[in-house]
Amino acid sequence: MRNSRLLAILLGLCATIVAGLTTSATAGAARNLDYGFVEDQFTDSLLTNPNSAISNRWSNRYKKTNSDVVRVNLYWSQVAGTSPPTNPTNPADPSYDWTTPDAALLNAKKQGIDVVYTVIAAPRWAEGPNRDPEARIGTWRPDPDRFRDFAEAVATRYSGRFGSLPQVKYFEGWNEPNLPRYLSPQWDGKKPKSPAIYRDLVNGFYEGIKAGNKKAKVIAGGTSPFGDDRGGKRMRPYYFWRKVLCLKDSKKLKKEKNCAKGEDRAHFDIYAHNPINGVKGEGPTTKSPNPDDGVPSNFKDLTKIVKAAEKRKTVLPKKKGRPGWGTETWYESKPPEKKAVSLKKQAEFMQQALYVLWKQKVETVFFLQLRDSPYDPSLPGLNDFQTGVYRANDKPKPSLKAVQFPFVGDRKSKKKVLIWGIAPKGGKLTIKDKKEKLKKVRVKKSKVFTTTVKLKKSKKKHKLQGQIGKDKSLVWKQK
C-alpha cells in the first residue's frame, strides 16, 4: 500500500510538471510581418500637416497602432516645381522644395516608425511628347532619364548622410501604373503600352536610387487590383506584370521573344501590389473575380509570376526569392459610409487580411488610412474613404484594436484551430474560448505567433480571444 501511494504521488507530480511546461511553452517560431498605413497630404494629411499640434498628435497615434512603417506619397511634381532644376541629381538645388516629405519623415521617426516613399506624378516638363489632352497631368509617358535624376536626388537626401535627416531604406517607383489615373497611355487599341513605359520608368528609378544610396531598396509595382479586358481603360494587374517581366500569357510563363533584353530588363528589389477586395462586403478570403485581377486571396499568383521571371532571367538583378509587399489594402465601414461593412466586420476583415497575406509570404502590408476622410458622398472616391481605424471626428473604431493586437483563428479540423496573431507586447499569451482557458504560450513583442488549440465539440459557437497581461484582443468568432 505504501509503495502504491508513493507511486501515485510521483505520478501526480510528473503530471503537474508536464502541465506547467505546457502552459509556459513558447508559441511556434514564425515569419514576421510588418504593417502600417498610407499617408497622403491631399487626403488625410496627418504626418504631413503643417500644423505641428496636429502632426504631433497623429504621429503619436501612429505609434499606438503598434505599426512599424508608414508609406508616404512623395510628389515629384510638387518637389521639383514648374521648371527643370539646374542640378537635378543634387537635392540642394534651389528649385527643389522638400518641406512636405521632410515633415512626414521627421514626424514618423520621432515615434520610431520607418518611412517608405512612393514617388509619383511627373512635372509637366518631364512628360513625354504628343500628349493626349485627356490624360491626367503627371501621367503621360514620364521621362525615365529625368525620373532617374530625381530618384538620385531623393535617395541622396534621405541616405542618412545629408544634414541631420534620418535614413530612408525603401523607395517605391510609382503607384498603380496599370491605371490611366497614374500612367498613360495604357493601350494603343488592344496593344499594351503601359508595361513598356513602366519598365523604362522603374529602371531609371532603380539606377537613380542606387546612385544616391546603393544600400537602399527599390520597390516596383504597387499595381491596382482590378483592370479591364484588352483595349479597355485600365489593365489587369497580373497581365500588366507579365508584360513588364516579358512573360507569355500561359500557365508555363515562358519567356516572350522580342522583349526587353540585357540592361533593359526590369530592375527592382521588391515587388508590390495593392490587394484590395472589389465589392463592398467581401472579405479577404473572397476569390478574385478574374485570374488576372489581384485580391488578398490570390497574391500568391503574382509571386509565381515573379519567380518565373527570376527563373527565366527576365528581371534584374539576378537573384531569387524577392520579397512581396501588399502596399495598400482596405475596407470601408459604416457608419458613415452606407454601402459598407459594419464597424465590427471591418475590424475582423483587417486582421484577417494580415493573416491571409502572411500565409502567402507577404512581408509588409499597408492599410489605406489611419483616419477616415470627412464623409461627403459628392466627393470623388479617393477623397471620401472611410477606411481608417479612427473616424473623421478622431474617435477610435474597433479596428484600432484589431491592428494593435491582431488575433485570428483558422480551423484545421473538427477539433483543431490554428491561432495566429501579432503580440502587442511580450509575455504570456492566454487563449480563451469565452471564459474557458485553452492554452498559455510565451510571445515576443511585435512578433507573429502561431499555436494550435483544441475546441470542445459540444459548443456550437466559439468565441476565441487572446490576452497578454491587461491587453485583450477582439473576440474572434470561430465557425
Protein backbone atom coordinates (compact mmCIF):
# COMPACT_ATOMS: atom_id res chain seq x y z
CA MET A 1 0.00 0.00 0.00
CA ARG A 2 2.74 2.43 0.96
CA ASN A 3 4.51 1.81 -2.39
CA SER A 4 1.26 2.32 -4.26
CA ARG A 5 0.67 5.65 -2.52
CA LEU A 6 4.24 6.74 -3.25
CA LEU A 7 3.82 5.82 -6.92
CA ALA A 8 0.58 7.79 -7.11
CA ILE A 9 2.25 10.86 -5.57
CA LEU A 10 5.14 10.65 -8.03
CA LEU A 11 2.78 10.30 -10.99
CA GLY A 12 0.83 13.31 -9.76
CA LEU A 13 3.99 15.38 -9.51
CA CYS A 14 5.00 14.38 -13.04
CA ALA A 15 1.60 15.38 -14.36
CA THR A 16 1.86 18.76 -12.63
CA ILE A 17 5.31 19.37 -14.12
CA VAL A 18 4.14 18.42 -17.62
CA ALA A 19 1.11 20.68 -17.27
CA GLY A 20 3.35 23.52 -16.16
CA LEU A 21 5.59 23.00 -19.16
CA THR A 22 2.58 23.05 -21.46
CA THR A 23 1.23 26.34 -20.14
CA SER A 24 4.62 28.04 -20.32
CA ALA A 25 5.52 26.79 -23.80
CA THR A 26 6.66 29.27 -26.41
CA ALA A 27 4.47 29.94 -29.44
CA GLY A 28 5.75 28.45 -32.66
CA ALA A 29 8.53 30.42 -34.35
CA ALA A 30 7.02 32.12 -37.39
CA ARG A 31 7.89 34.52 -40.18
CA ASN A 32 7.34 38.05 -39.06
CA LEU A 33 5.04 40.60 -40.70
CA ASP A 34 5.47 44.37 -40.76
CA TYR A 35 2.43 46.56 -41.28
CA GLY A 36 1.44 50.19 -41.32
CA PHE A 37 -0.66 52.83 -43.06
CA VAL A 38 -0.61 55.03 -46.15
CA GLU A 39 -0.19 58.78 -45.63
CA ASP A 40 -1.11 61.29 -48.32
CA GLN A 41 -1.01 65.06 -48.00
CA PHE A 42 -4.03 65.53 -50.29
CA THR A 43 -6.38 63.22 -48.37
CA ASP A 44 -5.65 62.67 -44.67
CA SER A 45 -2.56 64.92 -44.19
CA LEU A 46 -1.64 63.78 -40.69
CA LEU A 47 2.15 63.40 -40.59
CA THR A 48 2.46 65.96 -43.38
CA ASN A 49 0.20 68.52 -41.72
CA PRO A 50 1.86 71.97 -41.40
CA ASN A 51 0.11 72.43 -38.05
CA SER A 52 2.58 70.91 -35.56
CA ALA A 53 -0.13 70.26 -32.97
CA ILE A 54 -1.97 68.04 -35.46
CA SER A 55 1.12 66.26 -36.80
CA ASN A 56 2.44 65.61 -33.27
CA ARG A 57 -0.88 64.19 -32.09
CA TRP A 58 -1.20 61.89 -35.08
CA SER A 59 2.40 60.72 -35.11
CA ASN A 60 1.75 59.55 -31.55
CA ARG A 61 -1.41 57.76 -32.69
CA TYR A 62 0.52 56.05 -35.48
CA LYS A 63 2.78 54.64 -32.80
CA LYS A 64 -0.18 53.47 -30.70
CA THR A 65 -1.37 51.27 -33.55
CA ASN A 66 1.79 49.16 -32.99
CA SER A 67 2.55 49.55 -36.68
CA ASP A 68 6.14 49.53 -37.90
CA VAL A 69 6.10 51.66 -41.03
CA VAL A 70 4.22 54.35 -42.94
CA ARG A 71 4.01 54.69 -46.71
CA VAL A 72 4.17 58.34 -47.79
CA ASN A 73 3.38 59.62 -51.28
CA LEU A 74 6.21 61.87 -52.47
CA TYR A 75 5.03 64.01 -55.38
CA TRP A 76 7.78 64.63 -57.92
CA SER A 77 5.75 67.46 -59.46
CA GLN A 78 5.40 69.22 -56.12
CA VAL A 79 9.03 68.92 -55.02
CA ALA A 80 10.53 69.79 -58.42
CA GLY A 81 8.37 72.76 -59.32
CA THR A 82 7.42 74.23 -62.68
CA SER A 83 10.78 74.21 -64.45
CA PRO A 84 13.69 71.74 -64.68
CA PRO A 85 16.35 72.13 -61.95
CA THR A 86 19.87 73.17 -62.92
CA ASN A 87 21.42 70.25 -60.99
CA PRO A 88 18.66 67.63 -60.92
CA THR A 89 20.66 64.95 -59.04
CA ASN A 90 21.55 67.37 -56.24
CA PRO A 91 18.87 67.60 -53.55
CA ALA A 92 20.22 71.02 -52.59
CA ASP A 93 19.26 72.51 -55.96
CA PRO A 94 17.29 75.70 -55.15
CA SER A 95 14.34 74.69 -57.32
CA TYR A 96 13.57 71.73 -55.05
CA ASP A 97 11.14 72.11 -52.14
CA TRP A 98 11.32 69.16 -49.72
CA THR A 99 9.15 70.67 -46.98
CA THR A 100 6.32 68.12 -47.09
CA PRO A 101 8.29 64.84 -47.36
CA ASP A 102 10.78 66.08 -44.75
CA ALA A 103 7.94 66.77 -42.30
CA ALA A 104 6.47 63.29 -42.74
CA LEU A 105 9.85 61.66 -42.17
CA LEU A 106 10.74 63.65 -39.07
CA ASN A 107 7.29 63.16 -37.51
CA ALA A 108 7.38 59.41 -38.11
CA LYS A 109 10.93 58.98 -36.87
CA LYS A 110 10.06 60.72 -33.59
CA GLN A 111 7.93 57.66 -32.85
CA GLY A 112 10.42 55.11 -34.18
CA ILE A 113 8.32 54.43 -37.29
CA ASP A 114 10.09 53.81 -40.60
CA VAL A 115 9.06 55.65 -43.77
CA VAL A 116 8.63 54.28 -47.29
CA TYR A 117 8.44 56.92 -50.01
CA THR A 118 6.27 56.25 -53.06
CA VAL A 119 7.49 58.65 -55.75
CA ILE A 120 4.75 59.63 -58.23
CA ALA A 121 3.40 62.35 -60.56
CA ALA A 122 5.73 63.83 -63.17
CA PRO A 123 6.09 67.60 -63.55
CA ARG A 124 4.70 68.88 -66.85
CA TRP A 125 8.23 69.45 -68.18
CA ALA A 126 9.06 65.76 -67.55
CA GLU A 127 6.12 64.32 -69.51
CA GLY A 128 6.59 62.82 -72.96
CA PRO A 129 5.69 64.23 -76.39
CA ASN A 130 2.36 64.04 -78.25
CA ARG A 131 0.42 64.35 -75.05
CA ASP A 132 -3.22 63.25 -75.09
CA PRO A 133 -5.17 66.31 -73.87
CA GLU A 134 -7.45 63.97 -71.90
CA ALA A 135 -4.57 62.38 -70.00
CA ARG A 136 -4.30 63.29 -66.34
CA ILE A 137 -1.49 65.73 -65.52
CA GLY A 138 1.67 63.94 -64.41
CA THR A 139 0.89 60.62 -66.11
CA TRP A 140 1.81 60.97 -69.80
CA ARG A 141 4.93 58.99 -70.72
CA PRO A 142 7.12 60.32 -67.88
CA ASP A 143 10.73 60.74 -69.00
CA PRO A 144 12.77 57.86 -67.47
CA ASP A 145 16.04 59.82 -67.63
CA ARG A 146 14.60 62.77 -65.74
CA PHE A 147 13.00 60.34 -63.29
CA ARG A 148 16.39 58.73 -62.81
CA ASP A 149 17.95 62.08 -61.89
CA PHE A 150 15.17 62.93 -59.45
CA ALA A 151 15.44 59.48 -57.86
CA GLU A 152 19.13 60.09 -57.21
CA ALA A 153 18.29 63.40 -55.53
CA VAL A 154 15.63 61.66 -53.38
CA ALA A 155 17.92 58.82 -52.31
CA THR A 156 20.81 61.19 -51.62
CA ARG A 157 18.68 63.44 -49.43
CA TYR A 158 17.37 60.51 -47.41
CA SER A 159 20.60 58.48 -47.30
CA GLY A 160 21.31 59.39 -43.67
CA ARG A 161 24.31 61.40 -44.86
CA PHE A 162 22.52 64.61 -45.85
CA GLY A 163 22.42 67.10 -43.00
CA SER A 164 20.56 65.81 -39.97
CA LEU A 165 17.84 63.99 -41.92
CA PRO A 166 17.28 60.34 -40.98
CA GLN A 167 17.85 57.50 -43.43
CA VAL A 168 15.09 56.00 -45.56
CA LYS A 169 15.72 52.48 -46.76
CA TYR A 170 12.79 51.79 -49.09
CA PHE A 171 11.62 53.71 -52.17
CA GLU A 172 8.71 52.76 -54.45
CA GLY A 173 8.79 53.79 -58.08
CA TRP A 174 5.26 54.98 -58.97
CA ASN A 175 1.81 53.87 -57.84
CA GLU A 176 -0.80 51.78 -59.66
CA PRO A 177 0.90 52.00 -63.08
CA ASN A 178 -1.81 49.80 -64.60
CA LEU A 179 -4.34 52.66 -64.27
CA PRO A 180 -4.58 55.74 -66.53
CA ARG A 181 -5.07 57.75 -63.36
CA TYR A 182 -1.35 57.31 -62.71
CA LEU A 183 0.27 56.27 -66.01
CA SER A 184 -0.83 56.79 -69.60
CA PRO A 185 -1.36 55.66 -72.25
CA GLN A 186 -2.37 52.19 -71.09
CA TRP A 187 -3.26 50.82 -74.54
CA ASP A 188 -2.87 51.51 -78.24
CA GLY A 189 -6.05 49.85 -79.42
CA LYS A 190 -5.69 46.36 -77.96
CA LYS A 191 -1.90 46.52 -77.76
CA PRO A 192 -0.47 47.11 -74.28
CA LYS A 193 1.61 50.28 -73.93
CA SER A 194 1.96 50.99 -70.21
CA PRO A 195 4.11 47.92 -69.29
CA ALA A 196 7.00 49.01 -71.54
CA ILE A 197 6.64 52.62 -70.37
CA TYR A 198 6.72 51.49 -66.76
CA ARG A 199 9.67 49.15 -67.30
CA ASP A 200 11.76 52.06 -68.57
CA LEU A 201 10.48 54.26 -65.77
CA VAL A 202 11.30 51.84 -62.94
CA ASN A 203 14.71 51.09 -64.48
CA GLY A 204 15.56 54.77 -64.42
CA PHE A 205 14.28 54.95 -60.85
CA TYR A 206 16.38 51.94 -59.83
CA GLU A 207 19.55 53.43 -61.28
CA GLY A 208 18.94 56.78 -59.62
CA ILE A 209 18.10 55.37 -56.19
CA LYS A 210 21.18 53.15 -56.18
CA ALA A 211 23.36 56.10 -57.25
CA GLY A 212 22.07 58.09 -54.28
CA ASN A 213 22.34 55.20 -51.80
CA LYS A 214 23.47 51.80 -53.03
CA LYS A 215 22.06 50.12 -49.90
CA ALA A 216 18.53 51.42 -50.48
CA LYS A 217 15.83 49.02 -51.73
CA VAL A 218 13.67 49.69 -54.77
CA ILE A 219 10.02 48.60 -54.80
CA ALA A 220 8.26 48.09 -58.14
CA GLY A 221 4.60 47.81 -58.99
CA GLY A 222 2.08 48.84 -56.38
CA THR A 223 -0.41 47.72 -59.02
CA SER A 224 -4.13 48.36 -58.71
CA PRO A 225 -6.17 45.19 -58.02
CA PHE A 226 -8.55 45.41 -60.98
CA GLY A 227 -8.44 46.15 -64.68
CA ASP A 228 -10.28 45.67 -67.96
CA ASP A 229 -10.01 43.32 -70.89
CA ARG A 230 -7.66 44.27 -73.70
CA GLY A 231 -8.35 47.70 -75.11
CA GLY A 232 -10.21 48.93 -72.03
CA LYS A 233 -9.22 51.91 -69.94
CA ARG A 234 -7.30 50.01 -67.26
CA MET A 235 -5.04 46.95 -67.41
CA ARG A 236 -5.46 43.85 -65.27
CA PRO A 237 -2.56 43.78 -62.78
CA TYR A 238 -1.21 40.28 -63.33
CA TYR A 239 -1.37 40.71 -67.12
CA PHE A 240 0.49 44.00 -66.63
CA TRP A 241 3.16 42.27 -64.54
CA ARG A 242 3.69 39.53 -67.13
CA LYS A 243 4.21 42.15 -69.82
CA VAL A 244 6.65 44.13 -67.66
CA LEU A 245 8.58 40.93 -66.98
CA CYS A 246 8.48 39.67 -70.59
CA LEU A 247 6.49 36.51 -69.85
CA LYS A 248 3.93 34.85 -72.10
CA ASP A 249 0.25 34.63 -71.23
CA SER A 250 0.36 30.97 -70.33
CA LYS A 251 0.41 28.80 -67.26
CA LYS A 252 4.01 27.86 -68.03
CA LEU A 253 5.02 31.55 -68.02
CA LYS A 254 7.63 31.14 -70.72
CA LYS A 255 9.88 33.95 -71.88
CA GLU A 256 8.47 36.29 -74.52
CA LYS A 257 10.54 36.80 -77.65
CA ASN A 258 11.47 40.30 -78.86
CA CYS A 259 11.04 41.74 -75.38
CA ALA A 260 13.47 43.65 -73.16
CA LYS A 261 16.99 42.21 -73.05
CA GLY A 262 20.21 42.97 -71.22
CA GLU A 263 20.03 46.08 -69.05
CA ASP A 264 16.60 46.90 -70.50
CA ARG A 265 15.10 44.13 -68.36
CA ALA A 266 13.09 45.28 -65.33
CA HIS A 267 15.15 46.16 -62.24
CA PHE A 268 13.79 46.03 -58.68
CA ASP A 269 14.43 44.51 -55.24
CA ILE A 270 10.83 44.10 -54.02
CA TYR A 271 7.60 43.52 -55.95
CA ALA A 272 4.41 45.16 -54.71
CA HIS A 273 0.69 45.03 -55.34
CA ASN A 274 -2.41 46.62 -53.78
CA PRO A 275 -4.55 43.60 -52.79
CA ILE A 276 -7.99 45.14 -52.31
CA ASN A 277 -11.40 43.47 -52.39
CA GLY A 278 -13.58 44.93 -55.10
CA VAL A 279 -17.15 44.52 -53.86
CA LYS A 280 -18.20 46.10 -50.59
CA GLY A 281 -18.95 43.35 -48.10
CA GLU A 282 -16.41 40.92 -49.48
CA GLY A 283 -13.66 39.79 -47.13
CA PRO A 284 -10.01 38.83 -47.63
CA THR A 285 -10.77 35.15 -48.32
CA THR A 286 -13.03 36.00 -51.29
CA LYS A 287 -11.76 34.71 -54.65
CA SER A 288 -10.62 37.08 -57.38
CA PRO A 289 -13.33 37.85 -59.99
CA ASN A 290 -10.74 37.35 -62.76
CA PRO A 291 -7.49 35.32 -62.66
CA ASP A 292 -5.53 38.40 -63.75
CA ASP A 293 -7.03 40.62 -61.04
CA GLY A 294 -5.40 40.60 -57.62
CA VAL A 295 -7.23 40.47 -54.28
CA PRO A 296 -5.79 39.33 -50.92
CA SER A 297 -6.60 35.65 -51.51
CA ASN A 298 -4.57 35.28 -54.75
CA PHE A 299 -1.45 37.32 -54.04
CA LYS A 300 0.46 34.05 -54.46
CA ASP A 301 -0.30 34.15 -58.20
CA LEU A 302 1.78 37.31 -58.50
CA THR A 303 4.56 35.59 -56.59
CA LYS A 304 4.52 32.80 -59.20
CA ILE A 305 4.94 35.38 -61.97
CA VAL A 306 7.95 36.98 -60.26
CA LYS A 307 9.51 33.59 -59.52
CA ALA A 308 9.09 32.64 -63.18
CA ALA A 309 10.83 35.88 -64.19
CA GLU A 310 13.70 35.08 -61.86
CA LYS A 311 13.94 31.60 -63.34
CA ARG A 312 13.70 32.84 -66.95
CA LYS A 313 16.17 35.65 -66.15
CA THR A 314 13.85 38.40 -67.34
CA VAL A 315 14.39 40.50 -64.20
CA LEU A 316 17.46 42.12 -62.67
CA PRO A 317 19.47 41.94 -60.50
CA LYS A 318 19.94 38.20 -60.89
CA LYS A 319 18.73 36.81 -57.60
CA LYS A 320 15.92 34.60 -56.37
CA GLY A 321 13.37 34.99 -53.62
CA ARG A 322 12.47 38.67 -53.92
CA PRO A 323 10.04 39.67 -51.15
CA GLY A 324 6.50 40.74 -51.94
CA TRP A 325 4.64 43.62 -50.30
CA GLY A 326 0.95 44.48 -50.10
CA THR A 327 1.24 48.24 -50.49
CA GLU A 328 -2.44 49.06 -49.99
CA THR A 329 -5.48 47.22 -48.70
CA TRP A 330 -8.65 48.49 -47.06
CA TYR A 331 -12.30 48.01 -46.04
CA GLU A 332 -14.78 50.86 -45.71
CA SER A 333 -17.04 50.93 -42.67
CA LYS A 334 -20.50 52.17 -41.78
CA PRO A 335 -21.38 54.49 -40.31
CA PRO A 336 -20.98 56.85 -42.05
CA GLU A 337 -20.49 55.08 -45.42
CA LYS A 338 -23.85 53.48 -46.20
CA LYS A 339 -22.70 50.84 -48.69
CA ALA A 340 -20.01 49.35 -46.48
CA VAL A 341 -19.43 46.74 -43.78
CA SER A 342 -20.17 47.23 -40.10
CA LEU A 343 -17.50 48.54 -37.74
CA LYS A 344 -17.08 45.05 -36.26
CA LYS A 345 -16.81 43.43 -39.67
CA GLN A 346 -14.21 45.98 -40.78
CA ALA A 347 -12.10 45.09 -37.74
CA GLU A 348 -12.47 41.37 -38.48
CA PHE A 349 -11.51 41.80 -42.14
CA MET A 350 -8.47 43.96 -41.39
CA GLN A 351 -6.82 41.48 -39.05
CA GLN A 352 -7.83 38.57 -41.28
CA ALA A 353 -6.27 40.32 -44.29
CA LEU A 354 -2.97 40.42 -42.42
CA TYR A 355 -3.20 36.67 -41.83
CA VAL A 356 -4.28 35.83 -45.38
CA LEU A 357 -1.38 37.81 -46.86
CA TRP A 358 1.10 36.49 -44.28
CA LYS A 359 0.17 32.92 -45.27
CA GLN A 360 1.22 33.81 -48.82
CA LYS A 361 4.60 35.05 -47.52
CA VAL A 362 3.90 38.75 -47.96
CA GLU A 363 6.44 40.60 -45.82
CA THR A 364 4.84 44.05 -45.37
CA VAL A 365 1.22 45.25 -45.56
CA PHE A 366 -0.20 48.79 -45.63
CA PHE A 367 -3.75 49.84 -44.80
CA LEU A 368 -5.03 52.86 -46.70
CA GLN A 369 -5.75 55.37 -43.95
CA LEU A 370 -5.24 55.89 -40.27
CA ARG A 371 -8.25 58.21 -40.07
CA ASP A 372 -11.43 58.40 -42.17
CA SER A 373 -11.92 61.25 -44.59
CA PRO A 374 -14.84 63.57 -43.75
CA TYR A 375 -17.95 61.92 -45.17
CA ASP A 376 -19.16 63.60 -48.33
CA PRO A 377 -20.70 61.31 -50.99
CA SER A 378 -20.39 64.08 -53.58
CA LEU A 379 -16.59 63.93 -53.46
CA PRO A 380 -14.56 61.67 -55.78
CA GLY A 381 -13.87 58.25 -54.31
CA LEU A 382 -10.22 58.89 -53.47
CA ASN A 383 -11.22 61.86 -51.30
CA ASP A 384 -14.04 60.15 -49.45
CA PHE A 385 -12.65 56.92 -47.99
CA GLN A 386 -13.99 55.56 -44.71
CA THR A 387 -11.19 53.03 -44.27
CA GLY A 388 -9.38 54.30 -41.18
CA VAL A 389 -9.14 52.93 -37.66
CA TYR A 390 -10.21 56.35 -36.43
CA ARG A 391 -13.36 58.17 -37.52
CA ALA A 392 -13.19 61.63 -39.03
CA ASN A 393 -14.08 63.02 -35.57
CA ASP A 394 -10.92 61.31 -34.22
CA LYS A 395 -12.82 58.66 -32.25
CA PRO A 396 -11.33 55.15 -32.49
CA LYS A 397 -13.12 52.27 -34.20
CA PRO A 398 -12.96 48.59 -33.16
CA SER A 399 -10.46 48.16 -36.00
CA LEU A 400 -7.90 50.09 -33.92
CA LYS A 401 -7.78 47.15 -31.51
CA ALA A 402 -7.61 44.80 -34.50
CA VAL A 403 -4.33 46.33 -35.66
CA GLN A 404 -2.96 46.84 -32.17
CA PHE A 405 -3.44 43.15 -31.35
CA PRO A 406 -4.27 41.06 -34.46
CA PHE A 407 -5.78 37.71 -33.42
CA VAL A 408 -7.25 35.24 -35.94
CA GLY A 409 -8.48 31.65 -35.82
CA ASP A 410 -8.19 29.27 -38.78
CA ARG A 411 -9.96 25.92 -38.44
CA LYS A 412 -7.79 22.97 -39.44
CA SER A 413 -10.10 20.12 -38.41
CA LYS A 414 -13.25 19.46 -36.39
CA LYS A 415 -11.34 19.90 -33.15
CA LYS A 416 -8.23 21.89 -34.01
CA VAL A 417 -7.91 25.60 -34.76
CA LEU A 418 -4.72 27.40 -35.67
CA ILE A 419 -4.34 30.63 -33.72
CA TRP A 420 -2.37 33.39 -35.47
CA GLY A 421 -1.60 36.86 -34.27
CA ILE A 422 0.92 39.59 -33.56
CA ALA A 423 1.74 40.34 -29.94
CA PRO A 424 1.42 43.97 -28.74
CA LYS A 425 3.94 43.14 -26.01
CA GLY A 426 5.97 40.23 -24.74
CA GLY A 427 4.89 37.81 -22.05
CA LYS A 428 2.38 35.02 -21.57
CA LEU A 429 -0.49 34.85 -24.01
CA THR A 430 -3.65 33.25 -22.62
CA ILE A 431 -6.09 31.94 -25.22
CA LYS A 432 -9.71 31.64 -24.13
CA ASP A 433 -12.95 30.30 -25.54
CA LYS A 434 -15.39 32.59 -23.73
CA LYS A 435 -14.34 32.01 -20.09
CA GLU A 436 -12.61 28.68 -20.67
CA LYS A 437 -8.82 28.88 -20.79
CA LEU A 438 -7.50 26.78 -23.66
CA LYS A 439 -3.78 27.43 -23.66
CA LYS A 440 -0.93 29.63 -22.47
CA VAL A 441 2.13 30.38 -24.58
CA ARG A 442 5.03 32.81 -24.40
CA VAL A 443 5.13 35.50 -27.09
CA LYS A 444 7.52 38.29 -28.08
CA LYS A 445 6.60 41.92 -28.62
CA SER A 446 5.63 42.83 -32.21
CA LYS A 447 6.30 39.27 -33.38
CA VAL A 448 3.97 36.87 -35.15
CA PHE A 449 2.84 33.92 -33.03
CA THR A 450 1.15 30.69 -34.10
CA THR A 451 -0.18 27.87 -31.98
CA THR A 452 -2.92 25.24 -32.18
CA VAL A 453 -5.81 24.83 -29.73
CA LYS A 454 -8.39 22.08 -29.32
CA LEU A 455 -12.06 23.02 -29.14
CA LYS A 456 -14.84 21.09 -27.48
CA LYS A 457 -17.38 19.52 -29.84
CA SER A 458 -20.27 20.36 -27.53
CA LYS A 459 -20.01 24.08 -28.27
CA LYS A 460 -21.60 25.26 -31.49
CA LYS A 461 -20.25 28.79 -31.32
CA HIS A 462 -16.72 29.52 -30.22
CA LYS A 463 -15.61 32.97 -29.10
CA LEU A 464 -11.84 32.97 -29.03
CA GLN A 465 -9.77 35.74 -27.51
CA GLY A 466 -6.15 36.39 -26.63
CA GLN A 467 -4.90 38.20 -23.56
CA ILE A 468 -1.40 39.32 -22.54
CA GLY A 469 -1.44 40.97 -19.14
CA LYS A 470 -4.23 43.54 -19.34
CA ASP A 471 -4.17 43.70 -23.15
CA LYS A 472 -7.03 41.83 -24.81
CA SER A 473 -7.60 41.15 -28.49
CA LEU A 474 -11.00 41.44 -30.09
CA VAL A 475 -13.16 38.32 -29.86
CA TRP A 476 -12.72 36.03 -32.85
CA LYS A 477 -15.95 34.18 -33.65
CA GLN A 478 -14.81 30.76 -34.83
CA LYS A 479 -17.18 28.81 -37.08
